[in-house]
Amino acid sequence: MPDNIAATPTKLSVNLNAVAFLRNRRDMPWPSVVDTARLVLDAGAHGITVHPRPDQRHIRFNDVHDLATLIAADYPEAEFNVEGYPSRDFLDLAMASRAHQVTLVPDDPGQSTSDHGWQVEQNQELLGSAIDALHANSQRVSLFVDVNAADVCAAGDVGADRIEFYTGPYAALFERSEHGGELGRLNDAAHAARQAGHNAQPGSRALTMNAGHDLTLSNLPALKEVVPDLAEVSIGHGITADALVMGFPEAVRRYLQVLS
């Protein structure tokens, strides 16, 4: 069971990669990621997430700049989250965008989607350097991690502000009604994150929790029960699939109900 933690609303950041992937199937400007961002933000989403990859197969580099401009000009209360592997090119793009949050992921450039979190201790030098650069640019940093206490604690040690739990395994097990063990691991990892923040040295950043990957209207309630203080989820594939049936505004409203 979770620690004695009061449930709080979890923010919804809509990942627009699937929208961009659909656009890129044809040499067309639609569906527009900027127009879709307006749609979901007007419906109440708290932010936008994008994950530009080196081959630009979905989100293009100019999309990052266009969305940054949109949010700064028309949605100053919304958050912009840019995800990616901390190559020099990615860090330059993320810093130029002035994204509120930069989520560092360990993706190989050829991966179709994220399928694992950082082995933080083995990548301390790479991650520490990237985190220092992003902090110097006044940007919050989240590390994409597997659901285990060791990487959560290491993320705090290396200077991350947040961790994002990779919830792909949880979602897959949920579909087979075999997710009880993964919920236990999420509970343990969340406890470690709370302790990392509680035990932080004076002046250091408390470690808070995000989650993402294959989250849906069906599997979010059980996740929220175990991690009631989850700060943010970024959801792309699931909410886009729902939007094909009910439209983005209604899909956003339903996710917000589940996360409240």
Protein backbone atom coordinates (compact mmCIF):
# COMPACT_ATOMS: atom_id res chain seq x y z
CA MET A 1 0.00 0.00 0.00
CA PRO A 2 1.18 3.56 -0.63
CA ASP A 3 2.70 5.62 2.15
CA ASN A 4 0.31 7.88 4.03
CA ILE A 5 0.03 10.22 1.05
CA ALA A 6 -3.05 12.24 0.19
CA ALA A 7 -4.29 11.88 -3.37
CA THR A 8 -3.72 14.94 -5.53
CA PRO A 9 -4.81 15.70 -9.12
CA THR A 10 -2.31 14.54 -11.72
CA LYS A 11 -1.51 16.84 -14.63
CA LEU A 12 -2.11 15.63 -18.17
CA SER A 13 0.48 16.34 -20.86
CA VAL A 14 -0.67 15.21 -24.31
CA ASN A 15 2.05 13.68 -26.49
CA LEU A 16 1.57 14.74 -30.12
CA ASN A 17 3.97 12.27 -31.75
CA ALA A 18 1.14 10.12 -33.11
CA VAL A 19 -0.50 13.15 -34.69
CA ALA A 20 2.79 14.12 -36.33
CA PHE A 21 3.32 10.54 -37.53
CA LEU A 22 -0.06 10.59 -39.26
CA ARG A 23 0.75 13.94 -40.90
CA ASN A 24 4.09 12.67 -42.14
CA ARG A 25 2.51 9.76 -44.05
CA ARG A 26 1.68 12.25 -46.80
CA ASP A 27 3.27 15.43 -48.06
CA MET A 28 0.54 17.46 -46.38
CA PRO A 29 0.46 20.05 -43.59
CA TRP A 30 -2.39 18.26 -41.80
CA PRO A 31 -3.25 17.08 -39.30
CA SER A 32 -1.51 20.07 -37.79
CA VAL A 33 0.31 19.49 -34.52
CA VAL A 34 -0.14 23.16 -33.63
CA ASP A 35 -3.89 23.05 -34.24
CA THR A 36 -4.14 19.82 -32.25
CA ALA A 37 -2.18 21.41 -29.42
CA ARG A 38 -4.71 24.26 -29.36
CA LEU A 39 -7.54 21.74 -29.31
CA VAL A 40 -6.25 19.75 -26.34
CA LEU A 41 -5.12 22.79 -24.35
CA ASP A 42 -8.49 24.47 -24.87
CA ALA A 43 -10.10 21.25 -23.58
CA GLY A 44 -8.10 21.50 -20.34
CA ALA A 45 -4.88 19.55 -20.88
CA HIS A 46 -2.10 20.95 -18.72
CA GLY A 47 0.65 20.65 -21.28
CA ILE A 48 2.12 19.27 -24.48
CA THR A 49 4.82 16.61 -24.86
CA VAL A 50 6.91 15.91 -27.95
CA HIS A 51 9.72 13.46 -28.59
CA PRO A 52 11.75 14.57 -31.63
CA ARG A 53 13.99 11.80 -32.95
CA PRO A 54 17.03 12.27 -35.20
CA ASP A 55 15.23 11.02 -38.34
CA GLN A 56 12.22 13.31 -37.68
CA ARG A 57 9.85 10.46 -38.53
CA HIS A 58 7.11 12.06 -36.49
CA ILE A 59 7.83 15.29 -34.61
CA ARG A 60 10.05 17.52 -36.73
CA PHE A 61 12.50 20.00 -35.29
CA ASN A 62 10.45 22.92 -36.61
CA ASP A 63 7.42 21.49 -34.74
CA VAL A 64 9.32 21.97 -31.49
CA HIS A 65 9.89 25.64 -32.27
CA ASP A 66 6.30 26.16 -33.47
CA LEU A 67 4.84 24.61 -30.33
CA ALA A 68 7.18 26.55 -28.07
CA THR A 69 6.03 29.76 -29.76
CA LEU A 70 2.35 28.78 -29.44
CA ILE A 71 2.58 28.01 -25.74
CA ALA A 72 4.61 31.09 -24.90
CA ALA A 73 2.24 33.38 -26.79
CA ASP A 74 -1.22 31.90 -26.20
CA TYR A 75 -1.00 29.38 -23.34
CA PRO A 76 1.47 30.79 -20.81
CA GLU A 77 0.05 28.59 -18.03
CA ALA A 78 0.62 25.38 -20.01
CA GLU A 79 3.79 23.33 -19.79
CA PHE A 80 5.97 22.20 -22.68
CA ASN A 81 7.82 18.92 -22.22
CA VAL A 82 10.47 17.85 -24.74
CA GLU A 83 11.79 14.28 -24.59
CA GLY A 84 14.88 12.77 -26.12
CA TYR A 85 18.32 11.21 -25.87
CA PRO A 86 20.85 13.76 -24.56
CA SER A 87 22.92 14.14 -27.72
CA ARG A 88 24.42 17.55 -28.37
CA ASP A 89 21.87 18.22 -31.15
CA PHE A 90 18.95 17.30 -28.91
CA LEU A 91 20.19 19.40 -26.01
CA ASP A 92 20.65 22.40 -28.30
CA LEU A 93 17.09 21.96 -29.61
CA ALA A 94 15.61 21.51 -26.13
CA MET A 95 17.44 24.51 -24.72
CA ALA A 96 16.50 26.73 -27.66
CA SER A 97 12.85 25.76 -27.18
CA ARG A 98 12.93 26.94 -23.54
CA ALA A 99 10.80 23.89 -22.72
CA HIS A 100 9.66 23.93 -19.10
CA GLN A 101 10.66 20.28 -18.70
CA VAL A 102 13.20 18.18 -20.58
CA THR A 103 12.78 14.43 -20.17
CA LEU A 104 15.93 12.47 -20.92
CA VAL A 105 15.35 9.01 -22.39
CA PRO A 106 17.88 6.29 -23.28
CA ASP A 107 16.51 5.62 -26.78
CA ASP A 108 18.65 4.29 -29.57
CA PRO A 109 18.04 6.54 -32.61
CA GLY A 110 16.44 3.66 -34.52
CA GLN A 111 13.90 2.64 -31.88
CA SER A 112 10.25 2.88 -32.86
CA THR A 113 9.33 3.87 -29.31
CA SER A 114 10.82 3.94 -25.82
CA ASP A 115 11.09 0.46 -24.31
CA HIS A 116 13.32 0.84 -21.25
CA GLY A 117 14.53 3.36 -18.72
CA TRP A 118 18.00 4.59 -17.88
CA GLN A 119 20.55 2.51 -16.04
CA VAL A 120 21.38 5.65 -14.16
CA GLU A 121 24.56 4.66 -12.32
CA GLN A 122 26.17 3.39 -15.54
CA ASN A 123 25.39 6.69 -17.26
CA GLN A 124 26.22 9.16 -14.49
CA GLU A 125 28.71 11.19 -16.51
CA LEU A 126 26.44 11.59 -19.55
CA LEU A 127 23.36 12.39 -17.47
CA GLY A 128 25.12 14.66 -14.99
CA SER A 129 26.58 16.77 -17.79
CA ALA A 130 23.23 17.08 -19.54
CA ILE A 131 21.39 17.91 -16.31
CA ASP A 132 23.93 20.60 -15.43
CA ALA A 133 23.54 22.21 -18.87
CA LEU A 134 19.74 22.18 -18.69
CA HIS A 135 19.71 23.53 -15.14
CA ALA A 136 21.99 26.35 -16.26
CA ASN A 137 19.30 27.11 -18.84
CA SER A 138 16.63 27.18 -16.06
CA GLN A 139 14.91 24.00 -17.26
CA ARG A 140 13.49 21.20 -15.12
CA VAL A 141 14.89 17.74 -15.88
CA SER A 142 13.12 14.41 -15.63
CA LEU A 143 14.80 11.02 -16.15
CA PHE A 144 12.90 8.16 -17.78
CA VAL A 145 13.49 5.17 -15.49
CA ASP A 146 12.38 1.60 -15.05
CA VAL A 147 10.24 0.80 -12.03
CA ASN A 148 12.95 0.02 -9.50
CA ALA A 149 14.17 1.77 -6.39
CA ALA A 150 17.86 1.68 -7.36
CA ASP A 151 17.44 3.81 -10.49
CA VAL A 152 15.02 6.14 -8.72
CA CYS A 153 17.55 6.84 -5.98
CA ALA A 154 20.37 7.19 -8.51
CA ALA A 155 18.28 9.72 -10.45
CA GLY A 156 18.09 11.86 -7.34
CA ASP A 157 21.82 11.52 -6.75
CA VAL A 158 22.70 12.62 -10.27
CA GLY A 159 20.64 15.80 -9.91
CA ALA A 160 17.34 15.11 -11.66
CA ASP A 161 14.31 17.10 -10.55
CA ARG A 162 11.87 14.34 -11.43
CA ILE A 163 11.68 10.78 -12.63
CA GLU A 164 9.23 9.41 -15.18
CA PHE A 165 8.27 5.80 -14.58
CA TYR A 166 8.32 3.66 -17.72
CA THR A 167 4.88 2.07 -17.49
CA GLY A 168 5.01 -0.13 -20.59
CA PRO A 169 5.41 -3.38 -18.60
CA TYR A 170 2.59 -2.37 -16.24
CA ALA A 171 0.27 -1.65 -19.18
CA ALA A 172 1.09 -4.96 -20.89
CA LEU A 173 0.45 -6.93 -17.70
CA PHE A 174 -2.76 -4.99 -17.06
CA GLU A 175 -4.14 -6.22 -20.38
CA ARG A 176 -3.68 -9.80 -19.13
CA SER A 177 -4.94 -9.00 -15.61
CA GLU A 178 -1.50 -9.95 -14.28
CA HIS A 179 -0.42 -6.51 -13.05
CA GLY A 180 -0.52 -7.04 -9.30
CA GLY A 181 3.22 -7.64 -9.01
CA GLU A 182 4.02 -4.58 -11.11
CA LEU A 183 1.79 -2.45 -8.90
CA GLY A 184 3.84 -3.67 -5.95
CA ARG A 185 7.04 -2.62 -7.70
CA LEU A 186 5.51 0.76 -8.50
CA ASN A 187 4.62 1.17 -4.85
CA ASP A 188 8.19 0.39 -3.78
CA ALA A 189 9.69 2.71 -6.41
CA ALA A 190 7.32 5.52 -5.42
CA HIS A 191 8.33 5.08 -1.78
CA ALA A 192 11.98 5.37 -2.83
CA ALA A 193 11.21 8.58 -4.74
CA ARG A 194 9.47 10.09 -1.72
CA GLN A 195 12.39 9.17 0.50
CA ALA A 196 14.86 10.64 -2.01
CA GLY A 197 13.03 13.93 -1.78
CA HIS A 198 12.65 13.70 2.01
CA ASN A 199 16.33 12.94 2.49
CA ALA A 200 17.58 15.55 0.00
CA GLN A 201 20.29 17.88 1.20
CA PRO A 202 19.33 21.52 1.95
CA GLY A 203 19.04 23.46 -1.27
CA SER A 204 18.65 20.37 -3.47
CA ARG A 205 15.57 19.65 -5.57
CA ALA A 206 12.91 17.29 -4.26
CA LEU A 207 12.36 14.26 -6.50
CA THR A 208 8.78 14.07 -7.77
CA MET A 209 7.13 11.51 -10.03
CA ASN A 210 5.80 11.44 -13.57
CA ALA A 211 4.71 8.40 -15.57
CA GLY A 212 4.28 7.52 -19.20
CA HIS A 213 3.94 4.82 -21.83
CA ASP A 214 0.82 2.92 -22.88
CA LEU A 215 -1.36 4.55 -20.23
CA THR A 216 -5.10 4.43 -20.89
CA LEU A 217 -8.44 5.27 -19.34
CA SER A 218 -8.61 1.65 -18.15
CA ASN A 219 -5.22 1.29 -16.47
CA LEU A 220 -4.78 4.76 -14.99
CA PRO A 221 -7.09 4.31 -11.95
CA ALA A 222 -5.04 1.43 -10.50
CA LEU A 223 -1.82 3.35 -11.09
CA LYS A 224 -3.23 6.42 -9.35
CA GLU A 225 -4.32 4.32 -6.39
CA VAL A 226 -0.74 3.12 -5.86
CA VAL A 227 0.90 6.47 -6.66
CA PRO A 228 -1.69 9.01 -5.47
CA ASP A 229 0.84 11.85 -5.60
CA LEU A 230 1.78 11.29 -9.23
CA ALA A 231 2.63 14.76 -10.56
CA GLU A 232 2.13 14.28 -14.30
CA VAL A 233 1.44 11.73 -16.99
CA SER A 234 2.33 12.13 -20.65
CA ILE A 235 -0.02 10.19 -22.90
CA GLY A 236 0.07 9.98 -26.68
CA HIS A 237 -0.89 6.69 -28.28
CA GLY A 238 -3.78 5.89 -25.96
CA ILE A 239 -5.40 9.30 -26.03
CA THR A 240 -4.96 9.56 -29.80
CA ALA A 241 -6.66 6.18 -30.25
CA ASP A 242 -9.54 7.36 -28.06
CA ALA A 243 -9.71 10.64 -29.96
CA LEU A 244 -10.31 8.75 -33.22
CA VAL A 245 -13.58 7.58 -31.67
CA MET A 246 -14.67 10.48 -29.46
CA GLY A 247 -12.60 13.47 -30.61
CA PHE A 248 -9.69 15.07 -28.80
CA PRO A 249 -11.69 17.46 -26.59
CA GLU A 250 -13.84 14.66 -25.17
CA ALA A 251 -10.85 12.35 -24.81
CA VAL A 252 -8.99 15.03 -22.84
CA ARG A 253 -12.00 15.57 -20.58
CA ARG A 254 -12.24 11.85 -19.82
CA TYR A 255 -8.55 11.54 -18.98
CA LEU A 256 -8.79 14.57 -16.72
CA GLN A 257 -11.70 12.96 -14.86
CA VAL A 258 -9.64 9.83 -14.23
CA LEU A 259 -6.63 11.86 -13.10
CA SER A 260 -8.49 14.22 -10.76
